[in-house]
PDB file of N, CA and C in Angstrom:
ATOM      1  N   MET A   1      65.894 -27.709  15.739  1.00  0.00           N
ATOM      2  CA  MET A   1      67.185 -28.308  16.029  1.00  0.00           C
ATOM      3  C   MET A   1      67.482 -29.360  14.967  1.00  0.00           C
ATOM      4  N   PHE A   2      68.674 -29.406  14.532  1.00  0.00           N
ATOM      5  CA  PHE A   2      69.052 -30.391  13.535  1.00  0.00           C
ATOM      6  C   PHE A   2      69.740 -31.569  14.197  1.00  0.00           C
ATOM      7  N   TRP A   3      69.712 -32.680  13.514  1.00  0.00           N
ATOM      8  CA  TRP A   3      70.348 -33.901  14.039  1.00  0.00           C
ATOM      9  C   TRP A   3      71.850 -33.789  13.930  1.00  0.00           C
ATOM     10  N   ARG A   4      72.514 -34.257  14.915  1.00  0.00           N
ATOM     11  CA  ARG A   4      73.971 -34.312  14.902  1.00  0.00           C
ATOM     12  C   ARG A   4      74.365 -35.772  14.696  1.00  0.00           C
ATOM     13  N   TRP A   5      74.395 -36.194  13.452  1.00  0.00           N
ATOM     14  CA  TRP A   5      74.700 -37.583  13.129  1.00  0.00           C
ATOM     15  C   TRP A   5      76.092 -37.932  13.598  1.00  0.00           C
ATOM     16  N   GLY A   6      76.191 -38.982  14.371  1.00  0.00           N
ATOM     17  CA  GLY A   6      77.475 -39.472  14.826  1.00  0.00           C
ATOM     18  C   GLY A   6      78.064 -38.711  15.984  1.00  0.00           C
ATOM     19  N   PHE A   7      77.310 -37.805  16.588  1.00  0.00           N
ATOM     20  CA  PHE A   7      77.833 -37.009  17.703  1.00  0.00           C
ATOM     21  C   PHE A   7      78.240 -37.894  18.864  1.00  0.00           C
ATOM     22  N   SER A   8      77.419 -38.861  19.219  1.00  0.00           N
ATOM     23  CA  SER A   8      77.728 -39.710  20.372  1.00  0.00           C
ATOM     24  C   SER A   8      78.754 -40.794  20.027  1.00  0.00           C
ATOM     25  N   LYS A   9      79.087 -40.937  18.753  1.00  0.00           N
ATOM     26  CA  LYS A   9      80.089 -41.932  18.357  1.00  0.00           C
ATOM     27  C   LYS A   9      81.510 -41.376  18.372  1.00  0.00           C
ATOM     28  N   LYS A  10      81.647 -40.071  18.588  1.00  0.00           N
ATOM     29  CA  LYS A  10      82.970 -39.454  18.624  1.00  0.00           C
ATOM     30  C   LYS A  10      83.524 -39.489  20.046  1.00  0.00           C
ATOM     31  N   THR A  11      84.843 -39.445  20.150  1.00  0.00           N
ATOM     32  CA  THR A  11      85.458 -39.468  21.474  1.00  0.00           C
ATOM     33  C   THR A  11      85.318 -38.100  22.133  1.00  0.00           C
ATOM     34  N   VAL A  12      85.413 -38.099  23.436  1.00  0.00           N
ATOM     35  CA  VAL A  12      85.318 -36.855  24.202  1.00  0.00           C
ATOM     36  C   VAL A  12      86.449 -35.911  23.800  1.00  0.00           C
ATOM     37  N   LYS A  13      87.633 -36.464  23.593  1.00  0.00           N
ATOM     38  CA  LYS A  13      88.772 -35.633  23.207  1.00  0.00           C
ATOM     39  C   LYS A  13      88.538 -34.949  21.864  1.00  0.00           C
ATOM     40  N   GLU A  14      87.987 -35.681  20.917  1.00  0.00           N
ATOM     41  CA  GLU A  14      87.721 -35.117  19.597  1.00  0.00           C
ATOM     42  C   GLU A  14      86.688 -33.998  19.679  1.00  0.00           C
ATOM     43  N   LEU A  15      85.617 -34.223  20.425  1.00  0.00           N
ATOM     44  CA  LEU A  15      84.580 -33.199  20.585  1.00  0.00           C
ATOM     45  C   LEU A  15      85.112 -31.990  21.346  1.00  0.00           C
ATOM     46  N   ARG A  16      85.938 -32.245  22.335  1.00  0.00           N
ATOM     47  CA  ARG A  16      86.532 -31.170  23.136  1.00  0.00           C
ATOM     48  C   ARG A  16      87.453 -30.313  22.283  1.00  0.00           C
ATOM     49  N   LYS A  17      88.266 -30.952  21.461  1.00  0.00           N
ATOM     50  CA  LYS A  17      89.190 -30.224  20.592  1.00  0.00           C
ATOM     51  C   LYS A  17      88.441 -29.435  19.519  1.00  0.00           C
ATOM     52  N   ASN A  18      87.315 -29.961  19.036  1.00  0.00           N
ATOM     53  CA  ASN A  18      86.508 -29.232  18.050  1.00  0.00           C
ATOM     54  C   ASN A  18      85.965 -27.927  18.628  1.00  0.00           C
ATOM     55  N   ARG A  19      85.713 -27.895  19.913  1.00  0.00           N
ATOM     56  CA  ARG A  19      85.237 -26.688  20.599  1.00  0.00           C
ATOM     57  C   ARG A  19      86.397 -25.804  21.040  1.00  0.00           C
ATOM     58  N   GLY A  20      87.626 -26.282  20.914  1.00  0.00           N
ATOM     59  CA  GLY A  20      88.796 -25.497  21.304  1.00  0.00           C
ATOM     60  C   GLY A  20      89.006 -25.453  22.800  1.00  0.00           C
ATOM     61  N   LEU A  21      88.604 -26.500  23.491  1.00  0.00           N
ATOM     62  CA  LEU A  21      88.728 -26.553  24.944  1.00  0.00           C
ATOM     63  C   LEU A  21      89.832 -27.513  25.360  1.00  0.00           C
ATOM     64  N   THR A  22      90.555 -27.147  26.396  1.00  0.00           N
ATOM     65  CA  THR A  22      91.488 -28.082  26.998  1.00  0.00           C
ATOM     66  C   THR A  22      90.729 -28.874  28.052  1.00  0.00           C
ATOM     67  N   ALA A  23      91.342 -29.916  28.557  1.00  0.00           N
ATOM     68  CA  ALA A  23      90.698 -30.719  29.596  1.00  0.00           C
ATOM     69  C   ALA A  23      90.465 -29.883  30.846  1.00  0.00           C
ATOM     70  N   ARG A  24      91.394 -29.026  31.152  1.00  0.00           N
ATOM     71  CA  ARG A  24      91.269 -28.168  32.333  1.00  0.00           C
ATOM     72  C   ARG A  24      90.116 -27.172  32.168  1.00  0.00           C
ATOM     73  N   GLU A  25      89.965 -26.596  30.972  1.00  0.00           N
ATOM     74  CA  GLU A  25      88.873 -25.642  30.729  1.00  0.00           C
ATOM     75  C   GLU A  25      87.511 -26.316  30.789  1.00  0.00           C
ATOM     76  N   LEU A  26      87.415 -27.514  30.207  1.00  0.00           N
ATOM     77  CA  LEU A  26      86.149 -28.251  30.261  1.00  0.00           C
ATOM     78  C   LEU A  26      85.808 -28.626  31.701  1.00  0.00           C
ATOM     79  N   ALA A  27      86.799 -29.027  32.459  1.00  0.00           N
ATOM     80  CA  ALA A  27      86.579 -29.388  33.857  1.00  0.00           C
ATOM     81  C   ALA A  27      86.125 -28.169  34.661  1.00  0.00           C
ATOM     82  N   ALA A  28      86.671 -27.008  34.363  1.00  0.00           N
ATOM     83  CA  ALA A  28      86.266 -25.797  35.078  1.00  0.00           C
ATOM     84  C   ALA A  28      84.826 -25.417  34.749  1.00  0.00           C
ATOM     85  N   LYS A  29      84.412 -25.635  33.514  1.00  0.00           N
ATOM     86  CA  LYS A  29      83.039 -25.296  33.121  1.00  0.00           C
ATOM     87  C   LYS A  29      82.006 -26.168  33.822  1.00  0.00           C
ATOM     88  N   ILE A  30      82.347 -27.434  34.034  1.00  0.00           N
ATOM     89  CA  ILE A  30      81.374 -28.322  34.681  1.00  0.00           C
ATOM     90  C   ILE A  30      81.701 -28.567  36.146  1.00  0.00           C
ATOM     91  N   ARG A  31      82.741 -27.902  36.634  1.00  0.00           N
ATOM     92  CA  ARG A  31      83.139 -27.942  38.050  1.00  0.00           C
ATOM     93  C   ARG A  31      83.458 -29.358  38.536  1.00  0.00           C
ATOM     94  N   VAL A  32      84.366 -30.011  37.819  1.00  0.00           N
ATOM     95  CA  VAL A  32      84.887 -31.312  38.252  1.00  0.00           C
ATOM     96  C   VAL A  32      86.409 -31.252  38.208  1.00  0.00           C
ATOM     97  N   ASN A  33      87.031 -32.266  38.737  1.00  0.00           N
ATOM     98  CA  ASN A  33      88.481 -32.374  38.734  1.00  0.00           C
ATOM     99  C   ASN A  33      88.960 -32.672  37.296  1.00  0.00           C
ATOM    100  N   PRO A  34      90.000 -32.000  36.809  1.00  0.00           N
ATOM    101  CA  PRO A  34      90.505 -32.274  35.460  1.00  0.00           C
ATOM    102  C   PRO A  34      90.940 -33.725  35.259  1.00  0.00           C
ATOM    103  N   ALA A  35      91.289 -34.420  36.330  1.00  0.00           N
ATOM    104  CA  ALA A  35      91.675 -35.824  36.208  1.00  0.00           C
ATOM    105  C   ALA A  35      90.500 -36.679  35.723  1.00  0.00           C
ATOM    106  N   ARG A  36      89.274 -36.307  36.095  1.00  0.00           N
ATOM    107  CA  ARG A  36      88.099 -37.055  35.618  1.00  0.00           C
ATOM    108  C   ARG A  36      87.925 -36.900  34.114  1.00  0.00           C
ATOM    109  N   ILE A  37      88.212 -35.712  33.597  1.00  0.00           N
ATOM    110  CA  ILE A  37      88.115 -35.493  32.146  1.00  0.00           C
ATOM    111  C   ILE A  37      89.203 -36.296  31.440  1.00  0.00           C
ATOM    112  N   ASN A  38      90.401 -36.320  32.003  1.00  0.00           N
ATOM    113  CA  ASN A  38      91.490 -37.088  31.396  1.00  0.00           C
ATOM    114  C   ASN A  38      91.176 -38.580  31.370  1.00  0.00           C
ATOM    115  N   ARG A  39      90.442 -39.069  32.373  1.00  0.00           N
ATOM    116  CA  ARG A  39      90.089 -40.497  32.419  1.00  0.00           C
ATOM    117  C   ARG A  39      89.083 -40.882  31.338  1.00  0.00           C
ATOM    118  N   ILE A  40      88.211 -39.953  30.956  1.00  0.00           N
ATOM    119  CA  ILE A  40      87.179 -40.283  29.963  1.00  0.00           C
ATOM    120  C   ILE A  40      87.521 -39.775  28.572  1.00  0.00           C
ATOM    121  N   ASP A  41      88.678 -39.144  28.400  1.00  0.00           N
ATOM    122  CA  ASP A  41      89.058 -38.545  27.119  1.00  0.00           C
ATOM    123  C   ASP A  41      89.048 -39.543  25.963  1.00  0.00           C
ATOM    124  N   HIS A  42      89.452 -40.759  26.203  1.00  0.00           N
ATOM    125  CA  HIS A  42      89.549 -41.751  25.130  1.00  0.00           C
ATOM    126  C   HIS A  42      88.223 -42.469  24.866  1.00  0.00           C
ATOM    127  N   LEU A  43      87.211 -42.253  25.714  1.00  0.00           N
ATOM    128  CA  LEU A  43      85.920 -42.921  25.553  1.00  0.00           C
ATOM    129  C   LEU A  43      85.041 -42.191  24.550  1.00  0.00           C
ATOM    130  N   LYS A  44      84.181 -42.945  23.887  1.00  0.00           N
ATOM    131  CA  LYS A  44      83.169 -42.322  23.042  1.00  0.00           C
ATOM    132  C   LYS A  44      82.120 -41.703  23.961  1.00  0.00           C
ATOM    133  N   LEU A  45      81.448 -40.679  23.488  1.00  0.00           N
ATOM    134  CA  LEU A  45      80.499 -39.969  24.341  1.00  0.00           C
ATOM    135  C   LEU A  45      79.394 -40.884  24.852  1.00  0.00           C
ATOM    136  N   LYS A  46      78.981 -41.846  24.044  1.00  0.00           N
ATOM    137  CA  LYS A  46      77.913 -42.750  24.485  1.00  0.00           C
ATOM    138  C   LYS A  46      78.385 -43.729  25.560  1.00  0.00           C
ATOM    139  N   GLU A  47      79.699 -43.864  25.764  1.00  0.00           N
ATOM    140  CA  GLU A  47      80.246 -44.776  26.771  1.00  0.00           C
ATOM    141  C   GLU A  47      80.545 -44.083  28.106  1.00  0.00           C
ATOM    142  N   VAL A  48      80.393 -42.759  28.158  1.00  0.00           N
ATOM    143  CA  VAL A  48      80.669 -42.001  29.381  1.00  0.00           C
ATOM    144  C   VAL A  48      79.560 -42.274  30.391  1.00  0.00           C
ATOM    145  N   PRO A  49      79.897 -42.474  31.673  1.00  0.00           N
ATOM    146  CA  PRO A  49      78.870 -42.701  32.693  1.00  0.00           C
ATOM    147  C   PRO A  49      77.884 -41.530  32.761  1.00  0.00           C
ATOM    148  N   GLU A  50      76.636 -41.827  33.072  1.00  0.00           N
ATOM    149  CA  GLU A  50      75.538 -40.878  32.940  1.00  0.00           C
ATOM    150  C   GLU A  50      75.668 -39.561  33.716  1.00  0.00           C
ATOM    151  N   PRO A  51      76.005 -39.525  34.982  1.00  0.00           N
ATOM    152  CA  PRO A  51      76.016 -38.194  35.618  1.00  0.00           C
ATOM    153  C   PRO A  51      76.984 -37.230  34.948  1.00  0.00           C
ATOM    154  N   LEU A  52      78.113 -37.727  34.517  1.00  0.00           N
ATOM    155  CA  LEU A  52      79.108 -36.885  33.866  1.00  0.00           C
ATOM    156  C   LEU A  52      78.703 -36.580  32.425  1.00  0.00           C
ATOM    157  N   LYS A  53      78.092 -37.527  31.759  1.00  0.00           N
ATOM    158  CA  LYS A  53      77.664 -37.342  30.375  1.00  0.00           C
ATOM    159  C   LYS A  53      76.640 -36.218  30.261  1.00  0.00           C
ATOM    160  N   SER A  54      75.701 -36.160  31.190  1.00  0.00           N
ATOM    161  CA  SER A  54      74.676 -35.120  31.130  1.00  0.00           C
ATOM    162  C   SER A  54      75.250 -33.735  31.402  1.00  0.00           C
ATOM    163  N   LYS A  55      76.384 -33.660  32.075  1.00  0.00           N
ATOM    164  CA  LYS A  55      77.034 -32.374  32.323  1.00  0.00           C
ATOM    165  C   LYS A  55      77.833 -31.893  31.127  1.00  0.00           C
ATOM    166  N   ILE A  56      78.553 -32.803  30.462  1.00  0.00           N
ATOM    167  CA  ILE A  56      79.456 -32.361  29.394  1.00  0.00           C
ATOM    168  C   ILE A  56      78.795 -32.266  28.026  1.00  0.00           C
ATOM    169  N   THR A  57      77.685 -32.972  27.818  1.00  0.00           N
ATOM    170  CA  THR A  57      77.049 -32.974  26.500  1.00  0.00           C
ATOM    171  C   THR A  57      76.642 -31.579  26.032  1.00  0.00           C
ATOM    172  N   PRO A  58      75.957 -30.747  26.846  1.00  0.00           N
ATOM    173  CA  PRO A  58      75.590 -29.409  26.349  1.00  0.00           C
ATOM    174  C   PRO A  58      76.791 -28.540  26.001  1.00  0.00           C
ATOM    175  N   ILE A  59      77.877 -28.700  26.722  1.00  0.00           N
ATOM    176  CA  ILE A  59      79.066 -27.884  26.446  1.00  0.00           C
ATOM    177  C   ILE A  59      79.731 -28.351  25.162  1.00  0.00           C
ATOM    178  N   LEU A  60      79.811 -29.649  24.956  1.00  0.00           N
ATOM    179  CA  LEU A  60      80.437 -30.172  23.743  1.00  0.00           C
ATOM    180  C   LEU A  60      79.572 -29.936  22.512  1.00  0.00           C
ATOM    181  N   ARG A  61      78.257 -29.827  22.700  1.00  0.00           N
ATOM    182  CA  ARG A  61      77.351 -29.508  21.596  1.00  0.00           C
ATOM    183  C   ARG A  61      77.373 -28.040  21.242  1.00  0.00           C
ATOM    184  N   GLY A  62      77.739 -27.192  22.220  1.00  0.00           N
ATOM    185  CA  GLY A  62      77.766 -25.752  21.978  1.00  0.00           C
ATOM    186  C   GLY A  62      76.513 -25.051  22.431  1.00  0.00           C
ATOM    187  N   ASP A  63      75.731 -25.663  23.297  1.00  0.00           N
ATOM    188  CA  ASP A  63      74.505 -25.040  23.772  1.00  0.00           C
ATOM    189  C   ASP A  63      74.791 -23.787  24.592  1.00  0.00           C
ATOM    190  N   ASP A  64      75.943 -23.730  25.249  1.00  0.00           N
ATOM    191  CA  ASP A  64      76.276 -22.550  26.043  1.00  0.00           C
ATOM    192  C   ASP A  64      76.541 -21.343  25.154  1.00  0.00           C
ATOM    193  N   ILE A  65      76.951 -21.561  23.910  1.00  0.00           N
ATOM    194  CA  ILE A  65      77.213 -20.468  22.980  1.00  0.00           C
ATOM    195  C   ILE A  65      75.895 -19.873  22.477  1.00  0.00           C
ATOM    196  N   ASP A  66      74.839 -20.668  22.435  1.00  0.00           N
ATOM    197  CA  ASP A  66      73.542 -20.181  21.964  1.00  0.00           C
ATOM    198  C   ASP A  66      72.943 -19.141  22.900  1.00  0.00           C
ATOM    199  N   LYS A  67      73.405 -19.053  24.128  1.00  0.00           N
ATOM    200  CA  LYS A  67      72.828 -18.150  25.120  1.00  0.00           C
ATOM    201  C   LYS A  67      73.534 -16.793  25.163  1.00  0.00           C
ATOM    202  N   ILE A  68      74.484 -16.547  24.282  1.00  0.00           N
ATOM    203  CA  ILE A  68      75.169 -15.271  24.258  1.00  0.00           C
ATOM    204  C   ILE A  68      74.202 -14.231  23.690  1.00  0.00           C
ATOM    205  N   PRO A  69      73.980 -13.108  24.402  1.00  0.00           N
ATOM    206  CA  PRO A  69      72.935 -12.159  23.981  1.00  0.00           C
ATOM    207  C   PRO A  69      73.201 -11.417  22.684  1.00  0.00           C
ATOM    208  N   TRP A  70      74.440 -11.269  22.261  1.00  0.00           N
ATOM    209  CA  TRP A  70      74.706 -10.485  21.057  1.00  0.00           C
ATOM    210  C   TRP A  70      74.710 -11.325  19.785  1.00  0.00           C
ATOM    211  N   LEU A  71      74.440 -12.602  19.878  1.00  0.00           N
ATOM    212  CA  LEU A  71      74.374 -13.430  18.661  1.00  0.00           C
ATOM    213  C   LEU A  71      72.966 -13.555  18.169  1.00  0.00           C
TER     214      LEU A  71
END
């Protein structure tokens, strides 16, 4: 695994947009209300409260894409 320099210093919105996800799509993936994603959109990833941070970090990193069998 390589280091992702500055990953936690970026905002949730920036990381979400880099993955091509809307707030509603990200909320559906982690099964939370889209309003919670909208509330943390302006925060840096390191400032997000822990239970939610541990849910969204793998999706924003792209770990779910690594599990696709044809890649």
